[in-house]
């Protein structure tokens, strides 16, 4: 099976179906979150239960799109075009990229840049946060580090390379003056961190599989 899946619009029902029960880049930080004294965090447990439910029902939970989320969806093509012009390059849009070795792992990057063996991830923050990225060198974009590393773990390299070298995190606001509309923070891959992340994902998915199998054997939901 081809690891890079094209021809499906991100956000469409077909795209959602491909992501059922799988670990994605936008949620990778949830499973890496730790509770106090090393205990399981509520965020991690909630994400685990969400994936268990998806595997049992074959359905994704419907989520409400806030105005900010819809703004991001609407402006993403403009941000991608801005990046292409700025770097005089072509950004290849894909639907999903499956992890090379971890079944149940995938990501949906906002574009692959084969010319530089890289990828991009687009963020449309609130206008004041976009300005903050410009003034601080992208401090607010650092919260997406885990997402970027997971994408670099999933996406194969281009031009004969085994791996992608970096991801450009793009912050975009079309209302700013032309020279301030976009800000790019380049994040280079960290293989040591990626290995630690993959180990955590494998353990997380193994736990989910065990729980799903046990739940399928229960005849009455009230049984221990």
Protein backbone atom coordinates (compact mmCIF):
# COMPACT_ATOMS: atom_id res chain seq x y z
CA UNK A 1 0.00 0.00 0.00
CA UNK A 2 1.28 3.45 -0.91
CA UNK A 3 2.08 5.32 2.29
CA UNK A 4 1.25 8.70 0.73
CA UNK A 5 -2.47 8.99 0.04
CA UNK A 6 -3.61 11.67 -2.39
CA UNK A 7 -6.83 12.65 -4.09
CA UNK A 8 -8.87 13.03 -0.90
CA UNK A 9 -9.73 16.43 0.53
CA UNK A 10 -8.62 16.97 4.10
CA UNK A 11 -11.67 17.30 6.34
CA UNK A 12 -13.92 15.29 4.00
CA UNK A 13 -15.84 12.18 5.20
CA UNK A 14 -13.42 9.94 3.25
CA UNK A 15 -10.46 11.62 4.94
CA UNK A 16 -12.05 11.26 8.37
CA UNK A 17 -12.69 7.55 7.73
CA UNK A 18 -8.99 6.94 7.02
CA UNK A 19 -8.08 8.44 10.39
CA UNK A 20 -10.40 6.34 12.56
CA UNK A 21 -8.50 4.82 15.49
CA UNK A 22 -5.15 6.15 14.28
CA UNK A 23 -2.62 8.41 15.99
CA UNK A 24 -2.40 11.75 14.16
CA UNK A 25 0.05 14.62 14.35
CA UNK A 26 -2.37 17.18 15.76
CA UNK A 27 -3.08 14.94 18.77
CA UNK A 28 0.34 13.40 19.37
CA UNK A 29 0.98 15.82 22.24
CA UNK A 30 -2.07 14.42 24.07
CA UNK A 31 -0.53 10.99 24.49
CA UNK A 32 2.84 12.48 25.47
CA UNK A 33 1.30 14.53 28.28
CA UNK A 34 2.13 13.24 31.75
CA UNK A 35 0.18 13.68 34.94
CA UNK A 36 1.58 14.47 38.35
CA UNK A 37 4.29 12.15 39.66
CA UNK A 38 4.32 10.27 36.35
CA UNK A 39 0.67 9.24 36.57
CA UNK A 40 -1.49 9.10 33.46
CA UNK A 41 -2.82 12.54 32.62
CA UNK A 42 -6.50 13.23 32.08
CA UNK A 43 -5.64 14.49 28.60
CA UNK A 44 -3.93 11.22 27.70
CA UNK A 45 -6.73 9.09 29.12
CA UNK A 46 -9.36 11.08 27.27
CA UNK A 47 -7.50 10.65 23.97
CA UNK A 48 -7.04 6.93 24.66
CA UNK A 49 -10.76 6.48 25.30
CA UNK A 50 -11.56 8.46 22.15
CA UNK A 51 -9.46 6.11 20.00
CA UNK A 52 -10.89 3.04 21.73
CA UNK A 53 -14.40 4.25 20.95
CA UNK A 54 -13.47 4.90 17.32
CA UNK A 55 -12.17 1.36 16.94
CA UNK A 56 -15.26 -0.13 18.54
CA UNK A 57 -17.78 1.95 16.60
CA UNK A 58 -15.95 2.69 13.36
CA UNK A 59 -16.99 6.33 13.74
CA UNK A 60 -15.27 9.63 14.40
CA UNK A 61 -16.82 11.90 16.99
CA UNK A 62 -18.27 15.04 15.41
CA UNK A 63 -16.43 18.15 16.54
CA UNK A 64 -17.65 21.72 16.47
CA UNK A 65 -15.74 24.07 14.19
CA UNK A 66 -15.13 27.33 15.97
CA UNK A 67 -14.91 30.56 13.93
CA UNK A 68 -11.14 30.49 14.45
CA UNK A 69 -10.93 26.95 13.08
CA UNK A 70 -13.03 27.86 10.05
CA UNK A 71 -10.85 30.92 9.46
CA UNK A 72 -7.84 28.64 9.40
CA UNK A 73 -9.47 26.34 6.86
CA UNK A 74 -10.46 29.27 4.64
CA UNK A 75 -7.04 30.95 4.69
CA UNK A 76 -4.82 27.88 4.40
CA UNK A 77 -4.73 27.96 0.55
CA UNK A 78 -3.63 31.61 0.64
CA UNK A 79 -0.88 30.81 3.12
CA UNK A 80 0.33 27.91 0.96
CA UNK A 81 0.39 30.16 -2.11
CA UNK A 82 2.31 32.80 -0.13
CA UNK A 83 4.93 30.20 0.80
CA UNK A 84 5.28 29.00 -2.79
CA UNK A 85 5.89 32.54 -4.01
CA UNK A 86 8.29 33.42 -1.20
CA UNK A 87 10.49 30.37 -1.75
CA UNK A 88 9.83 29.96 -5.49
CA UNK A 89 8.85 26.34 -4.96
CA UNK A 90 5.96 23.91 -5.38
CA UNK A 91 4.04 22.52 -2.42
CA UNK A 92 2.52 19.09 -3.01
CA UNK A 93 -0.79 18.63 -1.20
CA UNK A 94 -1.54 15.18 0.20
CA UNK A 95 -4.35 13.71 2.25
CA UNK A 96 -2.62 11.36 4.65
CA UNK A 97 0.82 9.81 5.11
CA UNK A 98 1.00 6.48 6.94
CA UNK A 99 3.84 5.79 9.36
CA UNK A 100 6.47 3.48 7.80
CA UNK A 101 6.52 0.91 10.61
CA UNK A 102 3.80 1.70 13.16
CA UNK A 103 0.40 0.42 12.10
CA UNK A 104 -2.10 2.90 13.48
CA UNK A 105 0.18 5.90 12.97
CA UNK A 106 -0.42 8.62 10.38
CA UNK A 107 -0.24 12.34 9.77
CA UNK A 108 -1.80 14.95 7.48
CA UNK A 109 0.84 17.57 6.66
CA UNK A 110 -0.23 20.75 4.91
CA UNK A 111 2.22 20.13 2.10
CA UNK A 112 5.36 18.34 0.95
CA UNK A 113 8.23 20.31 -0.58
CA UNK A 114 10.24 17.80 -2.57
CA UNK A 115 12.70 20.39 -3.89
CA UNK A 116 14.13 20.89 -0.39
CA UNK A 117 13.26 17.45 1.03
CA UNK A 118 10.98 19.09 3.58
CA UNK A 119 7.35 19.71 4.47
CA UNK A 120 5.23 22.59 5.72
CA UNK A 121 2.64 22.99 8.45
CA UNK A 122 0.39 26.04 8.22
CA UNK A 123 -1.06 27.87 11.21
CA UNK A 124 -3.53 30.75 11.00
CA UNK A 125 -3.34 32.20 14.51
CA UNK A 126 -5.34 35.10 15.88
CA UNK A 127 -3.93 38.34 14.41
CA UNK A 128 -2.29 39.39 17.67
CA UNK A 129 -0.60 35.98 17.93
CA UNK A 130 0.72 36.21 14.38
CA UNK A 131 2.29 39.54 15.28
CA UNK A 132 3.75 37.94 18.40
CA UNK A 133 5.37 35.26 16.23
CA UNK A 134 7.07 37.98 14.20
CA UNK A 135 8.24 39.87 17.28
CA UNK A 136 9.46 36.80 19.23
CA UNK A 137 10.87 34.64 16.45
CA UNK A 138 7.93 32.26 16.56
CA UNK A 139 7.69 31.51 20.28
CA UNK A 140 4.03 30.57 20.02
CA UNK A 141 4.79 28.14 17.21
CA UNK A 142 6.93 26.06 19.57
CA UNK A 143 3.75 24.44 20.92
CA UNK A 144 3.56 22.50 17.63
CA UNK A 145 6.97 20.88 18.02
CA UNK A 146 5.55 17.41 18.75
CA UNK A 147 3.20 17.61 15.77
CA UNK A 148 6.07 18.55 13.47
CA UNK A 149 8.33 15.76 14.76
CA UNK A 150 5.58 13.19 14.27
CA UNK A 151 5.10 14.39 10.69
CA UNK A 152 8.83 14.08 10.07
CA UNK A 153 8.65 10.56 11.51
CA UNK A 154 5.87 9.60 9.08
CA UNK A 155 6.75 11.31 5.80
CA UNK A 156 9.34 9.61 3.54
CA UNK A 157 12.11 11.65 2.00
CA UNK A 158 12.24 12.96 -1.55
CA UNK A 159 14.86 12.81 -4.30
CA UNK A 160 16.27 9.51 -3.04
CA UNK A 161 16.48 10.60 0.60
CA UNK A 162 15.18 8.27 3.29
CA UNK A 163 13.90 11.06 5.56
CA UNK A 164 12.66 14.64 5.35
CA UNK A 165 15.16 17.07 6.83
CA UNK A 166 12.94 19.79 8.25
CA UNK A 167 9.48 21.29 8.49
CA UNK A 168 8.64 24.93 7.93
CA UNK A 169 5.97 26.12 10.36
CA UNK A 170 4.08 28.92 8.64
CA UNK A 171 2.18 31.64 10.52
CA UNK A 172 -0.02 33.73 8.25
CA UNK A 173 -2.24 36.82 8.43
CA UNK A 174 -3.44 38.27 5.08
CA UNK A 175 -4.41 41.62 6.62
CA UNK A 176 -0.84 42.54 7.50
CA UNK A 177 1.38 44.55 5.10
CA UNK A 178 2.78 42.37 2.32
CA UNK A 179 6.19 41.87 3.93
CA UNK A 180 4.60 40.84 7.25
CA UNK A 181 1.82 38.55 6.05
CA UNK A 182 3.81 35.39 6.63
CA UNK A 183 6.35 34.20 9.17
CA UNK A 184 8.29 30.93 8.91
CA UNK A 185 9.94 29.00 11.74
CA UNK A 186 12.11 26.15 10.49
CA UNK A 187 12.21 23.02 12.66
CA UNK A 188 14.90 20.43 11.88
CA UNK A 189 14.28 16.76 12.58
CA UNK A 190 15.60 15.29 15.82
CA UNK A 191 15.97 11.53 15.37
CA UNK A 192 16.59 10.91 19.06
CA UNK A 193 13.38 12.68 20.03
CA UNK A 194 11.47 10.93 17.25
CA UNK A 195 12.64 7.54 18.56
CA UNK A 196 11.43 8.42 22.07
CA UNK A 197 8.11 9.54 20.63
CA UNK A 198 7.69 6.37 18.57
CA UNK A 199 8.37 4.20 21.62
CA UNK A 200 5.59 6.01 23.49
CA UNK A 201 3.21 5.63 20.53
CA UNK A 202 3.86 1.88 20.25
CA UNK A 203 3.12 1.40 23.96
CA UNK A 204 0.00 3.57 23.72
CA UNK A 205 -1.37 1.66 20.72
CA UNK A 206 -0.61 -1.68 22.37
CA UNK A 207 -2.61 -0.64 25.42
CA UNK A 208 -5.50 0.45 23.22
CA UNK A 209 -5.50 -2.85 21.33
CA UNK A 210 -5.57 -4.83 24.58
CA UNK A 211 -8.48 -2.81 25.95
CA UNK A 212 -10.43 -3.07 22.69
CA UNK A 213 -9.99 -6.86 22.61
CA UNK A 214 -11.09 -7.15 26.23
CA UNK A 215 -14.14 -4.99 25.66
CA UNK A 216 -15.19 -7.08 22.68
CA UNK A 217 -15.25 -10.15 24.92
CA UNK A 218 -17.47 -8.57 27.56
CA UNK A 219 -21.06 -9.78 27.32
CA UNK A 220 -22.43 -7.20 29.71
CA UNK A 221 -21.12 -3.68 29.91
CA UNK A 222 -21.35 -3.72 33.71
CA UNK A 223 -18.97 -6.68 34.06
CA UNK A 224 -15.47 -5.95 35.40
